[in-house]
Amino acid sequence: MDKRFRALRMIALFYQVLAWITLVGGVLAGVFAVILGAISGREGGVSPLVAQMPLLNRAVGLVGGIVVALTIVLGGVIQFVLLYALSEAVRLGLAIERNTRETAQYIRGEPAVASPDK
């Protein structure tokens, strides 16, 4: 059975890769926030590197850095779940189409052709 909808398969792969990049980026940004919080706590003020950033400029001290890091990581996890679910939804649609096509062939009495992705 021929593979159809190659563009949709690429889109699903793109969203899956983007989901993992988002998760890794969120965790790294969280670690960065904790480090900056600890450094700014020692110095007694906000680091000039993050003074213009919306959440990181509140990370004064280790506790502030941890709170901001948890917020960033939570946002990254939510984005990961949404992007990964979108990827799986596209793959689900492709699987439904393939199974419907195979069922129609079976009902018509056509010989079954082995699918390459099984």
Protein backbone atom coordinates (compact mmCIF):
# COMPACT_ATOMS: atom_id res chain seq x y z
CA MET A 1 0.00 0.00 0.00
CA ASP A 2 1.44 3.35 -1.00
CA LYS A 3 2.18 6.01 1.55
CA ARG A 4 -0.08 8.96 1.02
CA PHE A 5 -0.11 12.47 2.40
CA ARG A 6 3.63 12.92 2.77
CA ALA A 7 3.20 16.61 3.55
CA LEU A 8 0.98 15.80 6.53
CA ARG A 9 3.54 13.29 7.78
CA MET A 10 6.22 16.00 7.56
CA ILE A 11 3.98 18.46 9.41
CA ALA A 12 3.42 15.90 12.17
CA LEU A 13 7.16 15.32 12.42
CA PHE A 14 7.79 19.09 12.48
CA TYR A 15 5.37 19.56 15.39
CA GLN A 16 6.89 16.63 17.26
CA VAL A 17 10.42 18.02 16.89
CA LEU A 18 9.20 21.50 17.83
CA ALA A 19 7.56 20.04 20.94
CA TRP A 20 10.82 18.49 22.12
CA ILE A 21 12.78 21.66 21.37
CA THR A 22 10.23 23.64 23.40
CA LEU A 23 10.52 21.26 26.35
CA VAL A 24 14.32 21.35 26.35
CA GLY A 25 14.30 25.14 25.94
CA GLY A 26 11.87 25.54 28.83
CA VAL A 27 14.01 23.42 31.14
CA LEU A 28 17.18 25.28 30.13
CA ALA A 29 15.46 28.64 30.65
CA GLY A 30 14.35 27.43 34.09
CA VAL A 31 17.91 26.50 35.02
CA PHE A 32 19.06 29.89 33.72
CA ALA A 33 16.45 31.62 35.91
CA VAL A 34 17.63 29.81 39.04
CA ILE A 35 21.25 30.70 38.30
CA LEU A 36 20.39 34.35 37.64
CA GLY A 37 18.27 34.46 40.77
CA ALA A 38 21.14 33.17 42.87
CA ILE A 39 23.62 35.59 41.27
CA SER A 40 21.33 38.60 41.63
CA GLY A 41 20.65 37.65 45.25
CA ARG A 42 24.35 37.88 45.98
CA GLU A 43 24.70 41.19 44.19
CA GLY A 44 21.62 42.68 45.81
CA GLY A 45 19.72 43.66 42.69
CA VAL A 46 18.42 42.65 39.30
CA SER A 47 21.02 41.55 36.80
CA PRO A 48 21.35 43.96 33.85
CA LEU A 49 21.16 40.93 31.55
CA VAL A 50 17.53 40.32 32.45
CA ALA A 51 16.31 43.76 33.48
CA GLN A 52 14.10 44.07 30.38
CA MET A 53 12.71 40.50 30.40
CA PRO A 54 9.14 40.18 31.69
CA LEU A 55 9.48 37.34 34.21
CA LEU A 56 13.19 37.09 34.80
CA ASN A 57 13.54 40.66 36.10
CA ARG A 58 11.62 39.59 39.23
CA ALA A 59 14.07 36.80 40.01
CA VAL A 60 15.85 38.47 42.89
CA GLY A 61 17.39 35.90 45.19
CA LEU A 62 17.35 32.16 45.04
CA VAL A 63 13.69 31.82 46.06
CA GLY A 64 12.59 34.29 43.39
CA GLY A 65 14.70 32.44 40.84
CA ILE A 66 13.11 29.13 41.79
CA VAL A 67 9.59 30.56 41.53
CA VAL A 68 10.30 32.06 38.13
CA ALA A 69 11.99 28.83 37.01
CA LEU A 70 8.96 26.76 38.00
CA THR A 71 6.70 29.14 36.08
CA ILE A 72 8.91 28.93 32.98
CA VAL A 73 9.19 25.14 33.16
CA LEU A 74 5.42 24.79 33.64
CA GLY A 75 4.84 26.94 30.55
CA GLY A 76 7.33 24.83 28.60
CA VAL A 77 5.64 21.61 29.67
CA ILE A 78 2.21 22.94 28.67
CA GLN A 79 3.57 23.99 25.26
CA PHE A 80 5.21 20.59 24.87
CA VAL A 81 1.96 18.76 25.59
CA LEU A 82 -0.02 20.94 23.18
CA LEU A 83 2.48 20.62 20.31
CA TYR A 84 2.94 16.89 20.84
CA ALA A 85 -0.84 16.39 20.96
CA LEU A 86 -1.17 18.29 17.68
CA SER A 87 1.43 16.01 16.13
CA GLU A 88 -0.41 12.94 17.38
CA ALA A 89 -3.75 14.30 16.12
CA VAL A 90 -2.31 14.59 12.60
CA ARG A 91 -0.95 11.05 12.84
CA LEU A 92 -4.32 9.83 14.13
CA GLY A 93 -6.06 11.32 11.11
CA LEU A 94 -3.57 9.59 8.82
CA ALA A 95 -4.09 6.26 10.58
CA ILE A 96 -7.86 6.59 10.31
CA GLU A 97 -7.57 7.30 6.60
CA ARG A 98 -5.29 4.29 6.06
CA ASN A 99 -7.53 1.94 8.03
CA THR A 100 -10.63 3.20 6.21
CA ARG A 101 -8.96 2.62 2.85
CA GLU A 102 -7.86 -0.90 3.85
CA THR A 103 -11.37 -1.72 5.11
CA ALA A 104 -12.91 -0.50 1.86
CA GLN A 105 -10.51 -2.70 -0.11
CA TYR A 106 -11.38 -5.67 2.08
CA ILE A 107 -15.12 -5.12 1.62
CA ARG A 108 -14.71 -4.86 -2.16
CA GLY A 109 -12.85 -8.17 -2.10
CA GLU A 110 -9.57 -6.77 -3.37
CA PRO A 111 -6.39 -8.58 -2.30
CA ALA A 112 -4.77 -7.22 0.83
CA VAL A 113 -1.49 -5.46 0.26
CA ALA A 114 0.98 -5.34 3.14
CA SER A 115 1.44 -1.85 4.47
CA PRO A 116 5.09 -0.69 4.66
CA ASP A 117 4.61 1.20 7.93
CA LYS A 118 3.34 -1.75 9.98
